[in-house]
Amino acid sequence: MAPHYREPNRQTARKLLITEDDKSLLCMMCWEFEELGYQVTTAASCGEALDAISGSRFDLALLDYNLPDGVGTELMQELHQLQPGLPVILYSGLASGGKASEAERCGASRFVAKPVEARTLHAMFNAILGKSRIITD
């Protein structure tokens, strides 16, 4: 059965912050995660992500490693100061073992290489949160 858009249930939807500077990829990821039932907030820079978290609480964050005004590990540390314990997945198109190690040292739940499908990230989020709630039609 083909997927269809479903408005997230604001009471139970996981609140996801996605930070990605590639506008096309950001729009696609937003749409895919909304399809999976997430309430998505997007940011194209570290500054936008910090603005977003200052007025809201999130269940999860997906951060690009390379952003126009900083790097994902530094942003993650700032987000953790504002919301301790926030699960974060860092991802990058220029993935290396060094970046993965740095991400883990800085407190990332996972580090993944782009491209990565939303359903794969959704499974990672479920594992990180210790839940197995899968949205199906």
C-alpha atoms as a PDB file:
ATOM      1  CA  MET A   1       0.000   0.000   0.000  1.00  0.00           C
ATOM      2  CA  ALA A   2       1.372   3.427  -0.920  1.00  0.00           C
ATOM      3  CA  PRO A   3       2.121   5.768   1.982  1.00  0.00           C
ATOM      4  CA  HIS A   4      -0.019   8.846   2.407  1.00  0.00           C
ATOM      5  CA  TYR A   5       0.359  12.020   4.413  1.00  0.00           C
ATOM      6  CA  ARG A   6      -0.993  11.906   7.918  1.00  0.00           C
ATOM      7  CA  GLU A   7      -1.035  14.917  10.227  1.00  0.00           C
ATOM      8  CA  PRO A   8       0.992  14.034  13.339  1.00  0.00           C
ATOM      9  CA  ASN A   9      -0.986  13.619  16.549  1.00  0.00           C
ATOM     10  CA  ARG A  10       0.255  16.634  18.503  1.00  0.00           C
ATOM     11  CA  GLN A  11      -0.357  14.808  21.794  1.00  0.00           C
ATOM     12  CA  THR A  12       1.764  11.732  21.033  1.00  0.00           C
ATOM     13  CA  ALA A  13       4.016  12.647  18.092  1.00  0.00           C
ATOM     14  CA  ARG A  14       7.717  12.683  18.790  1.00  0.00           C
ATOM     15  CA  LYS A  15       9.148  16.176  18.448  1.00  0.00           C
ATOM     16  CA  LEU A  16      12.134  16.077  16.105  1.00  0.00           C
ATOM     17  CA  LEU A  17      14.601  18.867  15.371  1.00  0.00           C
ATOM     18  CA  ILE A  18      16.344  18.462  11.992  1.00  0.00           C
ATOM     19  CA  THR A  19      19.309  20.712  11.221  1.00  0.00           C
ATOM     20  CA  GLU A  20      20.478  20.532   7.606  1.00  0.00           C
ATOM     21  CA  ASP A  21      21.859  23.295   5.374  1.00  0.00           C
ATOM     22  CA  ASP A  22      20.882  21.638   2.076  1.00  0.00           C
ATOM     23  CA  LYS A  23      17.387  23.089   1.596  1.00  0.00           C
ATOM     24  CA  SER A  24      16.193  20.326  -0.748  1.00  0.00           C
ATOM     25  CA  LEU A  25      17.351  17.572   1.586  1.00  0.00           C
ATOM     26  CA  LEU A  26      15.861  19.416   4.568  1.00  0.00           C
ATOM     27  CA  CYS A  27      12.447  19.635   2.874  1.00  0.00           C
ATOM     28  CA  MET A  28      12.565  15.973   1.874  1.00  0.00           C
ATOM     29  CA  MET A  29      13.568  14.831   5.378  1.00  0.00           C
ATOM     30  CA  CYS A  30      10.848  16.990   6.928  1.00  0.00           C
ATOM     31  CA  TRP A  31       8.215  15.492   4.667  1.00  0.00           C
ATOM     32  CA  GLU A  32       9.414  11.915   5.242  1.00  0.00           C
ATOM     33  CA  PHE A  33       9.459  12.256   9.022  1.00  0.00           C
ATOM     34  CA  GLU A  34       6.033  13.886   9.045  1.00  0.00           C
ATOM     35  CA  GLU A  35       4.841  10.874   7.033  1.00  0.00           C
ATOM     36  CA  LEU A  36       6.240   8.691   9.834  1.00  0.00           C
ATOM     37  CA  GLY A  37       4.224  10.657  12.400  1.00  0.00           C
ATOM     38  CA  TYR A  38       6.835  13.051  13.796  1.00  0.00           C
ATOM     39  CA  GLN A  39       6.233  16.688  14.653  1.00  0.00           C
ATOM     40  CA  VAL A  40       9.201  18.248  12.821  1.00  0.00           C
ATOM     41  CA  THR A  41      10.989  21.539  13.345  1.00  0.00           C
ATOM     42  CA  THR A  42      13.676  22.422  10.810  1.00  0.00           C
ATOM     43  CA  ALA A  43      16.778  24.585  10.976  1.00  0.00           C
ATOM     44  CA  ALA A  44      19.347  25.382   8.294  1.00  0.00           C
ATOM     45  CA  SER A  45      22.099  26.526  10.682  1.00  0.00           C
ATOM     46  CA  CYS A  46      23.359  26.266  14.240  1.00  0.00           C
ATOM     47  CA  GLY A  47      21.801  29.639  15.042  1.00  0.00           C
ATOM     48  CA  GLU A  48      18.381  28.553  13.793  1.00  0.00           C
ATOM     49  CA  ALA A  49      18.612  25.301  15.778  1.00  0.00           C
ATOM     50  CA  LEU A  50      19.475  27.182  18.968  1.00  0.00           C
ATOM     51  CA  ASP A  51      16.566  29.563  18.388  1.00  0.00           C
ATOM     52  CA  ALA A  52      14.231  26.604  17.889  1.00  0.00           C
ATOM     53  CA  ILE A  53      15.264  24.783  21.056  1.00  0.00           C
ATOM     54  CA  SER A  54      15.133  27.909  23.209  1.00  0.00           C
ATOM     55  CA  GLY A  55      11.346  27.974  22.861  1.00  0.00           C
ATOM     56  CA  SER A  56      10.543  24.268  22.767  1.00  0.00           C
ATOM     57  CA  ARG A  57      11.481  20.804  24.011  1.00  0.00           C
ATOM     58  CA  PHE A  58      12.386  18.021  21.622  1.00  0.00           C
ATOM     59  CA  ASP A  59      12.416  14.244  21.923  1.00  0.00           C
ATOM     60  CA  LEU A  60      15.186  13.824  19.316  1.00  0.00           C
ATOM     61  CA  ALA A  61      17.577  15.791  17.133  1.00  0.00           C
ATOM     62  CA  LEU A  62      19.124  14.962  13.767  1.00  0.00           C
ATOM     63  CA  LEU A  63      22.083  17.235  13.055  1.00  0.00           C
ATOM     64  CA  ASP A  64      24.210  17.653   9.956  1.00  0.00           C
ATOM     65  CA  TYR A  65      27.886  17.669  10.878  1.00  0.00           C
ATOM     66  CA  ASN A  66      28.920  20.524   8.569  1.00  0.00           C
ATOM     67  CA  LEU A  67      26.780  23.646   8.871  1.00  0.00           C
ATOM     68  CA  PRO A  68      27.382  27.153   7.531  1.00  0.00           C
ATOM     69  CA  ASP A  69      27.947  28.643  10.994  1.00  0.00           C
ATOM     70  CA  GLY A  70      29.553  25.740  12.863  1.00  0.00           C
ATOM     71  CA  VAL A  71      29.879  21.993  13.240  1.00  0.00           C
ATOM     72  CA  GLY A  72      27.363  19.522  14.533  1.00  0.00           C
ATOM     73  CA  THR A  73      29.389  18.412  17.547  1.00  0.00           C
ATOM     74  CA  GLU A  74      29.587  21.971  18.884  1.00  0.00           C
ATOM     75  CA  LEU A  75      25.888  22.515  18.201  1.00  0.00           C
ATOM     76  CA  MET A  76      25.076  19.262  19.993  1.00  0.00           C
ATOM     77  CA  GLN A  77      26.985  20.395  23.084  1.00  0.00           C
ATOM     78  CA  GLU A  78      25.069  23.680  23.111  1.00  0.00           C
ATOM     79  CA  LEU A  79      21.764  21.840  22.665  1.00  0.00           C
ATOM     80  CA  HIS A  80      22.682  19.545  25.567  1.00  0.00           C
ATOM     81  CA  GLN A  81      23.262  22.595  27.771  1.00  0.00           C
ATOM     82  CA  LEU A  82      19.753  23.806  26.938  1.00  0.00           C
ATOM     83  CA  GLN A  83      18.133  20.369  27.038  1.00  0.00           C
ATOM     84  CA  PRO A  84      20.280  17.809  28.885  1.00  0.00           C
ATOM     85  CA  GLY A  85      19.844  14.236  27.725  1.00  0.00           C
ATOM     86  CA  LEU A  86      18.472  15.121  24.286  1.00  0.00           C
ATOM     87  CA  PRO A  87      19.202  12.117  22.022  1.00  0.00           C
ATOM     88  CA  VAL A  88      21.158  13.286  18.966  1.00  0.00           C
ATOM     89  CA  ILE A  89      22.114  11.571  15.742  1.00  0.00           C
ATOM     90  CA  LEU A  90      24.841  13.350  13.802  1.00  0.00           C
ATOM     91  CA  TYR A  91      25.165  12.663  10.094  1.00  0.00           C
ATOM     92  CA  SER A  92      27.493  13.769   7.334  1.00  0.00           C
ATOM     93  CA  GLY A  93      28.157  13.335   3.652  1.00  0.00           C
ATOM     94  CA  LEU A  94      31.870  13.438   4.464  1.00  0.00           C
ATOM     95  CA  ALA A  95      31.834  10.712   7.081  1.00  0.00           C
ATOM     96  CA  SER A  96      35.072   9.406   8.534  1.00  0.00           C
ATOM     97  CA  GLY A  97      36.106   7.335  11.500  1.00  0.00           C
ATOM     98  CA  GLY A  98      37.518  10.462  13.121  1.00  0.00           C
ATOM     99  CA  LYS A  99      34.197  12.276  12.917  1.00  0.00           C
ATOM    100  CA  ALA A 100      32.355   9.261  14.302  1.00  0.00           C
ATOM    101  CA  SER A 101      34.749   9.025  17.260  1.00  0.00           C
ATOM    102  CA  GLU A 102      34.474  12.758  17.896  1.00  0.00           C
ATOM    103  CA  ALA A 103      30.673  12.550  17.771  1.00  0.00           C
ATOM    104  CA  GLU A 104      30.630   9.722  20.318  1.00  0.00           C
ATOM    105  CA  ARG A 105      33.042  11.581  22.634  1.00  0.00           C
ATOM    106  CA  CYS A 106      30.797  14.639  22.467  1.00  0.00           C
ATOM    107  CA  GLY A 107      27.688  12.665  23.426  1.00  0.00           C
ATOM    108  CA  ALA A 108      26.005  11.704  20.150  1.00  0.00           C
ATOM    109  CA  SER A 109      23.743   8.679  20.293  1.00  0.00           C
ATOM    110  CA  ARG A 110      24.880   7.708  16.790  1.00  0.00           C
ATOM    111  CA  PHE A 111      26.885   8.981  13.831  1.00  0.00           C
ATOM    112  CA  VAL A 112      25.776   7.948  10.349  1.00  0.00           C
ATOM    113  CA  ALA A 113      26.925   8.633   6.806  1.00  0.00           C
ATOM    114  CA  LYS A 114      24.709  10.269   4.207  1.00  0.00           C
ATOM    115  CA  PRO A 115      22.755   9.247   2.356  1.00  0.00           C
ATOM    116  CA  VAL A 116      20.522   7.600   4.922  1.00  0.00           C
ATOM    117  CA  GLU A 117      16.827   6.849   4.596  1.00  0.00           C
ATOM    118  CA  ALA A 118      14.275   8.276   6.999  1.00  0.00           C
ATOM    119  CA  ARG A 119      12.996   4.779   7.855  1.00  0.00           C
ATOM    120  CA  THR A 120      16.528   3.743   8.851  1.00  0.00           C
ATOM    121  CA  LEU A 121      16.808   6.801  11.100  1.00  0.00           C
ATOM    122  CA  HIS A 122      13.313   6.084  12.449  1.00  0.00           C
ATOM    123  CA  ALA A 123      14.486   2.598  13.488  1.00  0.00           C
ATOM    124  CA  MET A 124      17.548   4.147  15.143  1.00  0.00           C
ATOM    125  CA  PHE A 125      15.343   6.634  16.997  1.00  0.00           C
ATOM    126  CA  ASN A 126      13.159   3.762  18.225  1.00  0.00           C
ATOM    127  CA  ALA A 127      16.229   1.887  19.453  1.00  0.00           C
ATOM    128  CA  ILE A 128      17.653   4.986  21.137  1.00  0.00           C
ATOM    129  CA  LEU A 129      14.394   5.701  22.918  1.00  0.00           C
ATOM    130  CA  GLY A 130      13.916   2.030  23.784  1.00  0.00           C
ATOM    131  CA  LYS A 131      10.602   1.896  21.983  1.00  0.00           C
ATOM    132  CA  SER A 132       9.377  -0.239  19.140  1.00  0.00           C
ATOM    133  CA  ARG A 133       6.390   1.830  18.076  1.00  0.00           C
ATOM    134  CA  ILE A 134       6.323   1.610  14.305  1.00  0.00           C
ATOM    135  CA  ILE A 135       3.749   3.650  12.420  1.00  0.00           C
ATOM    136  CA  THR A 136       1.887   1.562   9.866  1.00  0.00           C
ATOM    137  CA  ASP A 137      -1.151   2.083   7.681  1.00  0.00           C
END
